[in-house]
All heavy atoms as atom14 arrays in JSON, in Angstrom:
{
  "sequence": "IANGLLYWWPSVCDCQLTLYGLTCLGPAGDFDFNPEVNDTERRE",
  "atom14_mask": [
    [1, 1, 1, 1, 1, 1, 1, 1, 0, 0, 0, 0, 0, 0],
    [1, 1, 1, 1, 1, 0, 0, 0, 0, 0, 0, 0, 0, 0],
    [1, 1, 1, 1, 1, 1, 1, 1, 0, 0, 0, 0, 0, 0],
    [1, 1, 1, 1, 0, 0, 0, 0, 0, 0, 0, 0, 0, 0],
    [1, 1, 1, 1, 1, 1, 1, 1, 0, 0, 0, 0, 0, 0],
    [1, 1, 1, 1, 1, 1, 1, 1, 0, 0, 0, 0, 0, 0],
    [1, 1, 1, 1, 1, 1, 1, 1, 1, 1, 1, 1, 0, 0],
    [1, 1, 1, 1, 1, 1, 1, 1, 1, 1, 1, 1, 1, 1],
    [1, 1, 1, 1, 1, 1, 1, 1, 1, 1, 1, 1, 1, 1],
    [1, 1, 1, 1, 1, 1, 1, 0, 0, 0, 0, 0, 0, 0],
    [1, 1, 1, 1, 1, 1, 0, 0, 0, 0, 0, 0, 0, 0],
    [1, 1, 1, 1, 1, 1, 1, 0, 0, 0, 0, 0, 0, 0],
    [1, 1, 1, 1, 1, 1, 0, 0, 0, 0, 0, 0, 0, 0],
    [1, 1, 1, 1, 1, 1, 1, 1, 0, 0, 0, 0, 0, 0],
    [1, 1, 1, 1, 1, 1, 0, 0, 0, 0, 0, 0, 0, 0],
    [1, 1, 1, 1, 1, 1, 1, 1, 1, 0, 0, 0, 0, 0],
    [1, 1, 1, 1, 1, 1, 1, 1, 0, 0, 0, 0, 0, 0],
    [1, 1, 1, 1, 1, 1, 1, 0, 0, 0, 0, 0, 0, 0],
    [1, 1, 1, 1, 1, 1, 1, 1, 0, 0, 0, 0, 0, 0],
    [1, 1, 1, 1, 1, 1, 1, 1, 1, 1, 1, 1, 0, 0],
    [1, 1, 1, 1, 0, 0, 0, 0, 0, 0, 0, 0, 0, 0],
    [1, 1, 1, 1, 1, 1, 1, 1, 0, 0, 0, 0, 0, 0],
    [1, 1, 1, 1, 1, 1, 1, 0, 0, 0, 0, 0, 0, 0],
    [1, 1, 1, 1, 1, 1, 0, 0, 0, 0, 0, 0, 0, 0],
    [1, 1, 1, 1, 1, 1, 1, 1, 0, 0, 0, 0, 0, 0],
    [1, 1, 1, 1, 0, 0, 0, 0, 0, 0, 0, 0, 0, 0],
    [1, 1, 1, 1, 1, 1, 1, 0, 0, 0, 0, 0, 0, 0],
    [1, 1, 1, 1, 1, 0, 0, 0, 0, 0, 0, 0, 0, 0],
    [1, 1, 1, 1, 0, 0, 0, 0, 0, 0, 0, 0, 0, 0],
    [1, 1, 1, 1, 1, 1, 1, 1, 0, 0, 0, 0, 0, 0],
    [1, 1, 1, 1, 1, 1, 1, 1, 1, 1, 1, 0, 0, 0],
    [1, 1, 1, 1, 1, 1, 1, 1, 0, 0, 0, 0, 0, 0],
    [1, 1, 1, 1, 1, 1, 1, 1, 1, 1, 1, 0, 0, 0],
    [1, 1, 1, 1, 1, 1, 1, 1, 0, 0, 0, 0, 0, 0],
    [1, 1, 1, 1, 1, 1, 1, 0, 0, 0, 0, 0, 0, 0],
    [1, 1, 1, 1, 1, 1, 1, 1, 1, 0, 0, 0, 0, 0],
    [1, 1, 1, 1, 1, 1, 1, 0, 0, 0, 0, 0, 0, 0],
    [1, 1, 1, 1, 1, 1, 1, 1, 0, 0, 0, 0, 0, 0],
    [1, 1, 1, 1, 1, 1, 1, 1, 0, 0, 0, 0, 0, 0],
    [1, 1, 1, 1, 1, 1, 1, 0, 0, 0, 0, 0, 0, 0],
    [1, 1, 1, 1, 1, 1, 1, 1, 1, 0, 0, 0, 0, 0],
    [1, 1, 1, 1, 1, 1, 1, 1, 1, 1, 1, 0, 0, 0],
    [1, 1, 1, 1, 1, 1, 1, 1, 1, 1, 1, 0, 0, 0],
    [1, 1, 1, 1, 1, 1, 1, 1, 1, 0, 0, 0, 0, 0]
  ],
  "atom14_positions": [
    [[103.62, 74.46, 116.41], [103.42, 74.46, 114.95], [101.93, 74.12, 114.74], [101.36, 73.01, 115.12], [104.29, 73.4, 114.22], [105.75, 73.67, 114.64], [104.04, 73.45, 112.78], [106.6, 72.54, 114.41], [0.0, 0.0, 0.0], [0.0, 0.0, 0.0], [0.0, 0.0, 0.0], [0.0, 0.0, 0.0], [0.0, 0.0, 0.0], [0.0, 0.0, 0.0]],
    [[101.15, 75.08, 114.13], [99.7, 74.81, 114.01], [99.27, 75.83, 113.0], [99.71, 77.01, 112.91], [98.91, 75.03, 115.29], [0.0, 0.0, 0.0], [0.0, 0.0, 0.0], [0.0, 0.0, 0.0], [0.0, 0.0, 0.0], [0.0, 0.0, 0.0], [0.0, 0.0, 0.0], [0.0, 0.0, 0.0], [0.0, 0.0, 0.0], [0.0, 0.0, 0.0]],
    [[98.16, 75.45, 112.23], [97.5, 76.31, 111.27], [98.4, 76.87, 110.25], [98.15, 77.93, 109.7], [96.81, 77.5, 112.04], [96.09, 77.1, 113.22], [95.26, 76.2, 113.2], [96.16, 77.85, 114.38], [0.0, 0.0, 0.0], [0.0, 0.0, 0.0], [0.0, 0.0, 0.0], [0.0, 0.0, 0.0], [0.0, 0.0, 0.0], [0.0, 0.0, 0.0]],
    [[99.46, 76.13, 109.96], [100.4, 76.63, 108.99], [101.25, 77.77, 109.48], [102.02, 78.45, 108.73], [0.0, 0.0, 0.0], [0.0, 0.0, 0.0], [0.0, 0.0, 0.0], [0.0, 0.0, 0.0], [0.0, 0.0, 0.0], [0.0, 0.0, 0.0], [0.0, 0.0, 0.0], [0.0, 0.0, 0.0], [0.0, 0.0, 0.0], [0.0, 0.0, 0.0]],
    [[101.26, 78.05, 110.81], [102.03, 79.09, 111.41], [102.94, 78.55, 112.53], [102.78, 77.44, 112.99], [101.03, 80.1, 112.01], [99.99, 80.7, 111.09], [99.02, 81.59, 111.79], [100.64, 81.47, 109.97], [0.0, 0.0, 0.0], [0.0, 0.0, 0.0], [0.0, 0.0, 0.0], [0.0, 0.0, 0.0], [0.0, 0.0, 0.0], [0.0, 0.0, 0.0]],
    [[103.76, 79.42, 113.01], [104.77, 79.07, 114.09], [104.44, 80.07, 115.23], [104.23, 81.3, 115.09], [106.14, 79.28, 113.71], [106.64, 78.36, 112.54], [108.09, 78.79, 112.22], [106.57, 76.96, 112.91], [0.0, 0.0, 0.0], [0.0, 0.0, 0.0], [0.0, 0.0, 0.0], [0.0, 0.0, 0.0], [0.0, 0.0, 0.0], [0.0, 0.0, 0.0]],
    [[104.34, 79.5, 116.45], [103.96, 80.34, 117.68], [105.1, 80.12, 118.76], [105.49, 79.09, 119.06], [102.6, 79.84, 118.27], [101.44, 80.04, 117.34], [101.11, 79.0, 116.48], [100.63, 81.2, 117.35], [99.97, 79.12, 115.66], [99.6, 81.33, 116.53], [99.25, 80.31, 115.63], [98.16, 80.41, 114.85], [0.0, 0.0, 0.0], [0.0, 0.0, 0.0]],
    [[105.44, 81.27, 119.27], [106.36, 81.3, 120.49], [105.55, 81.88, 121.69], [105.07, 82.99, 121.53], [107.58, 82.16, 120.24], [108.69, 81.51, 119.36], [109.78, 81.05, 119.79], [108.65, 81.47, 117.93], [110.49, 80.55, 118.74], [109.89, 80.75, 117.59], [107.73, 81.81, 116.89], [110.16, 80.49, 116.25], [108.07, 81.54, 115.62], [109.25, 80.89, 115.31]],
    [[105.4, 81.06, 122.72], [104.66, 81.49, 123.87], [105.52, 82.31, 124.79], [106.77, 82.26, 124.74], [104.04, 80.31, 124.56], [103.26, 79.41, 123.69], [103.57, 78.21, 123.18], [101.96, 79.76, 123.17], [102.57, 77.73, 122.34], [101.65, 78.67, 122.28], [101.07, 80.85, 123.29], [100.39, 78.6, 121.63], [99.86, 80.76, 122.61], [99.55, 79.72, 121.82]],
    [[104.93, 83.17, 125.67], [105.69, 83.99, 126.57], [106.65, 83.21, 127.33], [106.36, 82.15, 127.89], [104.64, 84.76, 127.36], [103.51, 84.76, 126.57], [103.49, 83.46, 125.78], [0.0, 0.0, 0.0], [0.0, 0.0, 0.0], [0.0, 0.0, 0.0], [0.0, 0.0, 0.0], [0.0, 0.0, 0.0], [0.0, 0.0, 0.0], [0.0, 0.0, 0.0]],
    [[107.93, 83.7, 127.48], [108.97, 83.06, 128.23], [109.36, 83.94, 129.32], [109.61, 85.18, 129.15], [110.19, 82.75, 127.33], [111.32, 82.25, 128.13], [0.0, 0.0, 0.0], [0.0, 0.0, 0.0], [0.0, 0.0, 0.0], [0.0, 0.0, 0.0], [0.0, 0.0, 0.0], [0.0, 0.0, 0.0], [0.0, 0.0, 0.0], [0.0, 0.0, 0.0]],
    [[109.43, 83.44, 130.59], [109.72, 84.22, 131.74], [111.28, 84.26, 132.03], [111.69, 84.9, 133.03], [109.03, 83.75, 132.97], [107.46, 83.84, 132.7], [109.37, 82.29, 133.32], [0.0, 0.0, 0.0], [0.0, 0.0, 0.0], [0.0, 0.0, 0.0], [0.0, 0.0, 0.0], [0.0, 0.0, 0.0], [0.0, 0.0, 0.0], [0.0, 0.0, 0.0]],
    [[112.05, 83.6, 131.25], [113.48, 83.61, 131.47], [114.1, 84.95, 131.15], [113.85, 85.46, 130.08], [114.11, 82.44, 130.68], [115.87, 82.3, 130.87], [0.0, 0.0, 0.0], [0.0, 0.0, 0.0], [0.0, 0.0, 0.0], [0.0, 0.0, 0.0], [0.0, 0.0, 0.0], [0.0, 0.0, 0.0], [0.0, 0.0, 0.0], [0.0, 0.0, 0.0]],
    [[114.96, 85.38, 131.95], [115.68, 86.67, 131.69], [117.21, 86.49, 131.51], [117.99, 87.33, 131.68], [115.45, 87.7, 132.8], [116.04, 87.24, 134.1], [116.53, 86.11, 134.17], [116.07, 88.06, 135.06], [0.0, 0.0, 0.0], [0.0, 0.0, 0.0], [0.0, 0.0, 0.0], [0.0, 0.0, 0.0], [0.0, 0.0, 0.0], [0.0, 0.0, 0.0]],
    [[117.55, 85.33, 131.05], [119.03, 84.95, 130.93], [119.64, 85.68, 129.76], [120.83, 85.73, 129.65], [119.15, 83.44, 130.76], [118.27, 82.7, 129.41], [0.0, 0.0, 0.0], [0.0, 0.0, 0.0], [0.0, 0.0, 0.0], [0.0, 0.0, 0.0], [0.0, 0.0, 0.0], [0.0, 0.0, 0.0], [0.0, 0.0, 0.0], [0.0, 0.0, 0.0]],
    [[118.86, 86.15, 128.79], [119.46, 86.88, 127.68], [118.3, 87.7, 127.02], [117.12, 87.45, 127.22], [120.09, 85.96, 126.64], [119.04, 85.05, 125.92], [119.72, 84.13, 124.89], [119.99, 83.01, 125.3], [119.99, 84.62, 123.71], [0.0, 0.0, 0.0], [0.0, 0.0, 0.0], [0.0, 0.0, 0.0], [0.0, 0.0, 0.0], [0.0, 0.0, 0.0]],
    [[118.74, 88.63, 126.23], [117.74, 89.46, 125.48], [116.87, 88.6, 124.56], [117.34, 87.7, 123.87], [118.47, 90.57, 124.68], [117.56, 91.41, 123.79], [116.62, 92.27, 124.71], [118.34, 92.33, 122.96], [0.0, 0.0, 0.0], [0.0, 0.0, 0.0], [0.0, 0.0, 0.0], [0.0, 0.0, 0.0], [0.0, 0.0, 0.0], [0.0, 0.0, 0.0]],
    [[115.57, 88.82, 124.58], [114.65, 88.03, 123.77], [113.55, 88.9, 123.29], [113.44, 90.16, 123.68], [114.11, 86.88, 124.47], [113.39, 86.02, 123.55], [113.24, 87.22, 125.62], [0.0, 0.0, 0.0], [0.0, 0.0, 0.0], [0.0, 0.0, 0.0], [0.0, 0.0, 0.0], [0.0, 0.0, 0.0], [0.0, 0.0, 0.0], [0.0, 0.0, 0.0]],
    [[112.66, 88.43, 122.48], [111.45, 89.21, 122.11], [110.3, 88.69, 122.88], [109.89, 87.45, 122.86], [111.21, 88.91, 120.61], [110.07, 89.86, 119.95], [110.48, 91.27, 120.01], [109.75, 89.4, 118.58], [0.0, 0.0, 0.0], [0.0, 0.0, 0.0], [0.0, 0.0, 0.0], [0.0, 0.0, 0.0], [0.0, 0.0, 0.0], [0.0, 0.0, 0.0]],
    [[109.78, 89.53, 123.79], [108.89, 89.09, 124.86], [107.47, 89.09, 124.3], [107.11, 89.77, 123.32], [108.94, 89.94, 126.1], [110.33, 89.77, 126.81], [111.28, 90.72, 126.73], [110.53, 88.63, 127.55], [112.51, 90.58, 127.39], [111.72, 88.45, 128.2], [112.72, 89.47, 128.14], [113.88, 89.27, 128.75], [0.0, 0.0, 0.0], [0.0, 0.0, 0.0]],
    [[106.58, 88.31, 124.94], [105.18, 88.28, 124.61], [104.98, 87.04, 123.61], [105.85, 86.16, 123.47], [0.0, 0.0, 0.0], [0.0, 0.0, 0.0], [0.0, 0.0, 0.0], [0.0, 0.0, 0.0], [0.0, 0.0, 0.0], [0.0, 0.0, 0.0], [0.0, 0.0, 0.0], [0.0, 0.0, 0.0], [0.0, 0.0, 0.0], [0.0, 0.0, 0.0]],
    [[103.79, 86.97, 123.2], [103.39, 85.89, 122.23], [103.63, 86.33, 120.81], [103.24, 87.38, 120.42], [101.89, 85.58, 122.4], [101.19, 84.62, 121.43], [101.84, 83.25, 121.57], [99.69, 84.49, 121.66], [0.0, 0.0, 0.0], [0.0, 0.0, 0.0], [0.0, 0.0, 0.0], [0.0, 0.0, 0.0], [0.0, 0.0, 0.0], [0.0, 0.0, 0.0]],
    [[104.39, 85.53, 120.07], [104.82, 85.88, 118.77], [104.32, 84.82, 117.78], [104.37, 83.62, 118.06], [106.31, 85.99, 118.68], [106.81, 86.85, 119.69], [106.82, 86.47, 117.31], [0.0, 0.0, 0.0], [0.0, 0.0, 0.0], [0.0, 0.0, 0.0], [0.0, 0.0, 0.0], [0.0, 0.0, 0.0], [0.0, 0.0, 0.0], [0.0, 0.0, 0.0]],
    [[103.88, 85.34, 116.63], [103.31, 84.41, 115.61], [103.95, 84.75, 114.2], [104.0, 85.88, 113.92], [101.83, 84.55, 115.45], [101.11, 83.55, 114.23], [0.0, 0.0, 0.0], [0.0, 0.0, 0.0], [0.0, 0.0, 0.0], [0.0, 0.0, 0.0], [0.0, 0.0, 0.0], [0.0, 0.0, 0.0], [0.0, 0.0, 0.0], [0.0, 0.0, 0.0]],
    [[104.5, 83.72, 113.6], [105.17, 83.88, 112.29], [104.34, 83.2, 111.23], [103.87, 82.07, 111.46], [106.58, 83.39, 112.27], [107.69, 84.45, 112.62], [107.49, 84.93, 113.99], [109.03, 83.74, 112.45], [0.0, 0.0, 0.0], [0.0, 0.0, 0.0], [0.0, 0.0, 0.0], [0.0, 0.0, 0.0], [0.0, 0.0, 0.0], [0.0, 0.0, 0.0]],
    [[104.19, 83.73, 110.06], [103.53, 83.12, 108.93], [104.52, 83.1, 107.79], [105.6, 83.69, 107.71], [0.0, 0.0, 0.0], [0.0, 0.0, 0.0], [0.0, 0.0, 0.0], [0.0, 0.0, 0.0], [0.0, 0.0, 0.0], [0.0, 0.0, 0.0], [0.0, 0.0, 0.0], [0.0, 0.0, 0.0], [0.0, 0.0, 0.0], [0.0, 0.0, 0.0]],
    [[104.17, 82.31, 106.72], [104.98, 82.2, 105.44], [105.16, 83.57, 104.84], [104.27, 84.41, 104.67], [104.25, 81.21, 104.58], [103.32, 80.57, 105.46], [103.0, 81.48, 106.56], [0.0, 0.0, 0.0], [0.0, 0.0, 0.0], [0.0, 0.0, 0.0], [0.0, 0.0, 0.0], [0.0, 0.0, 0.0], [0.0, 0.0, 0.0], [0.0, 0.0, 0.0]],
    [[106.48, 83.83, 104.42], [106.78, 85.17, 103.79], [106.4, 85.08, 102.28], [106.28, 86.11, 101.61], [108.3, 85.47, 103.89], [0.0, 0.0, 0.0], [0.0, 0.0, 0.0], [0.0, 0.0, 0.0], [0.0, 0.0, 0.0], [0.0, 0.0, 0.0], [0.0, 0.0, 0.0], [0.0, 0.0, 0.0], [0.0, 0.0, 0.0], [0.0, 0.0, 0.0]],
    [[106.35, 83.88, 101.74], [106.01, 83.77, 100.27], [107.03, 84.43, 99.45], [108.24, 84.28, 99.68], [0.0, 0.0, 0.0], [0.0, 0.0, 0.0], [0.0, 0.0, 0.0], [0.0, 0.0, 0.0], [0.0, 0.0, 0.0], [0.0, 0.0, 0.0], [0.0, 0.0, 0.0], [0.0, 0.0, 0.0], [0.0, 0.0, 0.0], [0.0, 0.0, 0.0]],
    [[106.62, 85.19, 98.42], [107.56, 85.82, 97.52], [107.79, 87.24, 97.85], [108.1, 88.09, 96.95], [107.09, 85.65, 96.02], [105.7, 86.3, 95.87], [105.17, 86.77, 96.88], [105.2, 86.24, 94.69], [0.0, 0.0, 0.0], [0.0, 0.0, 0.0], [0.0, 0.0, 0.0], [0.0, 0.0, 0.0], [0.0, 0.0, 0.0], [0.0, 0.0, 0.0]],
    [[107.64, 87.65, 99.16], [107.78, 89.0, 99.6], [109.25, 89.57, 99.2], [110.25, 88.86, 99.38], [107.54, 89.18, 101.05], [107.66, 90.64, 101.58], [106.65, 91.42, 101.44], [108.8, 91.06, 102.15], [106.69, 92.72, 101.88], [108.97, 92.39, 102.57], [107.83, 93.19, 102.46], [0.0, 0.0, 0.0], [0.0, 0.0, 0.0], [0.0, 0.0, 0.0]],
    [[109.31, 90.76, 98.69], [110.57, 91.34, 98.26], [111.18, 92.07, 99.43], [110.73, 93.19, 99.81], [110.39, 92.27, 97.13], [111.67, 92.87, 96.59], [112.77, 92.51, 97.06], [111.62, 93.77, 95.68], [0.0, 0.0, 0.0], [0.0, 0.0, 0.0], [0.0, 0.0, 0.0], [0.0, 0.0, 0.0], [0.0, 0.0, 0.0], [0.0, 0.0, 0.0]],
    [[112.14, 91.44, 100.08], [112.77, 92.08, 101.27], [113.75, 93.22, 100.93], [114.21, 93.89, 101.81], [113.48, 91.04, 102.16], [112.55, 90.06, 102.78], [112.18, 88.82, 102.28], [112.05, 90.4, 104.0], [111.32, 87.99, 102.99], [111.15, 89.61, 104.67], [110.83, 88.39, 104.19], [0.0, 0.0, 0.0], [0.0, 0.0, 0.0], [0.0, 0.0, 0.0]],
    [[114.07, 93.33, 99.64], [115.04, 94.28, 99.31], [114.56, 95.17, 98.05], [115.09, 95.11, 97.01], [116.33, 93.65, 98.85], [117.54, 94.64, 98.65], [117.42, 95.8, 99.04], [118.54, 94.19, 97.95], [0.0, 0.0, 0.0], [0.0, 0.0, 0.0], [0.0, 0.0, 0.0], [0.0, 0.0, 0.0], [0.0, 0.0, 0.0], [0.0, 0.0, 0.0]],
    [[113.49, 95.92, 98.34], [112.86, 96.6, 97.17], [113.68, 97.81, 96.81], [114.36, 98.43, 97.62], [111.48, 97.01, 97.76], [111.76, 97.22, 99.15], [112.78, 96.08, 99.55], [0.0, 0.0, 0.0], [0.0, 0.0, 0.0], [0.0, 0.0, 0.0], [0.0, 0.0, 0.0], [0.0, 0.0, 0.0], [0.0, 0.0, 0.0], [0.0, 0.0, 0.0]],
    [[113.55, 98.25, 95.61], [114.18, 99.52, 95.19], [113.37, 100.7, 95.73], [112.21, 100.73, 95.64], [114.19, 99.58, 93.66], [114.88, 100.85, 93.1], [114.91, 100.78, 91.57], [114.58, 99.83, 90.93], [115.31, 101.81, 91.01], [0.0, 0.0, 0.0], [0.0, 0.0, 0.0], [0.0, 0.0, 0.0], [0.0, 0.0, 0.0], [0.0, 0.0, 0.0]],
    [[114.14, 101.66, 96.32], [113.4, 102.76, 96.95], [113.27, 103.86, 95.88], [114.18, 104.42, 95.31], [114.3, 103.31, 98.15], [113.56, 104.49, 98.72], [114.37, 102.2, 99.16], [0.0, 0.0, 0.0], [0.0, 0.0, 0.0], [0.0, 0.0, 0.0], [0.0, 0.0, 0.0], [0.0, 0.0, 0.0], [0.0, 0.0, 0.0], [0.0, 0.0, 0.0]],
    [[111.97, 104.28, 95.68], [111.56, 105.3, 94.87], [111.41, 106.55, 95.74], [110.4, 106.63, 96.5], [110.37, 105.02, 94.03], [109.97, 106.08, 93.06], [110.2, 107.28, 93.3], [109.58, 105.64, 91.89], [0.0, 0.0, 0.0], [0.0, 0.0, 0.0], [0.0, 0.0, 0.0], [0.0, 0.0, 0.0], [0.0, 0.0, 0.0], [0.0, 0.0, 0.0]],
    [[112.33, 107.48, 95.69], [112.26, 108.67, 96.61], [111.06, 109.49, 96.41], [110.43, 109.9, 97.41], [113.49, 109.54, 96.35], [113.7, 110.66, 97.37], [114.05, 110.4, 98.52], [113.37, 111.8, 97.01], [0.0, 0.0, 0.0], [0.0, 0.0, 0.0], [0.0, 0.0, 0.0], [0.0, 0.0, 0.0], [0.0, 0.0, 0.0], [0.0, 0.0, 0.0]],
    [[110.53, 109.66, 95.2], [109.35, 110.46, 95.03], [108.07, 109.72, 95.6], [107.16, 110.4, 95.99], [109.17, 110.72, 93.53], [109.06, 109.55, 92.79], [110.26, 111.56, 92.98], [0.0, 0.0, 0.0], [0.0, 0.0, 0.0], [0.0, 0.0, 0.0], [0.0, 0.0, 0.0], [0.0, 0.0, 0.0], [0.0, 0.0, 0.0], [0.0, 0.0, 0.0]],
    [[108.07, 108.43, 95.64], [106.97, 107.7, 96.11], [106.98, 107.7, 97.75], [105.89, 107.68, 98.37], [106.87, 106.29, 95.58], [106.53, 106.24, 94.1], [106.48, 104.78, 93.62], [106.73, 103.89, 94.43], [106.25, 104.6, 92.44], [0.0, 0.0, 0.0], [0.0, 0.0, 0.0], [0.0, 0.0, 0.0], [0.0, 0.0, 0.0], [0.0, 0.0, 0.0]],
    [[108.12, 107.58, 98.25], [108.27, 107.39, 99.71], [108.14, 108.71, 100.47], [107.76, 108.77, 101.62], [109.64, 106.84, 100.01], [109.88, 105.37, 99.52], [109.11, 104.33, 100.34], [109.58, 103.03, 100.07], [110.5, 102.3, 100.72], [111.12, 102.95, 101.74], [110.88, 101.13, 100.36], [0.0, 0.0, 0.0], [0.0, 0.0, 0.0], [0.0, 0.0, 0.0]],
    [[108.51, 109.85, 99.81], [108.67, 111.11, 100.49], [107.46, 112.03, 100.19], [107.06, 112.15, 98.95], [109.92, 111.76, 100.1], [110.22, 113.13, 100.76], [111.68, 113.56, 100.58], [112.06, 113.53, 99.24], [112.36, 114.63, 98.55], [112.3, 115.82, 99.11], [112.68, 114.56, 97.32], [0.0, 0.0, 0.0], [0.0, 0.0, 0.0], [0.0, 0.0, 0.0]],
    [[106.87, 112.67, 101.14], [105.86, 113.7, 101.0], [106.5, 115.04, 101.43], [106.81, 115.18, 102.64], [104.65, 113.4, 101.85], [103.94, 112.12, 101.42], [102.66, 111.91, 102.19], [102.39, 112.66, 103.1], [102.0, 110.83, 102.03], [0.0, 0.0, 0.0], [0.0, 0.0, 0.0], [0.0, 0.0, 0.0], [0.0, 0.0, 0.0], [0.0, 0.0, 0.0]]
  ]
}
């Protein structure tokens, strides 16, 4: 836990599926995880 962020360092254990490598998470804030999809804006 540092800089207001969370860090997961590489793990060499293969006992179960994981997300490999160095991973950094930051605050999501007010991000809309379920936005309304506008077909005309998304499609070209």
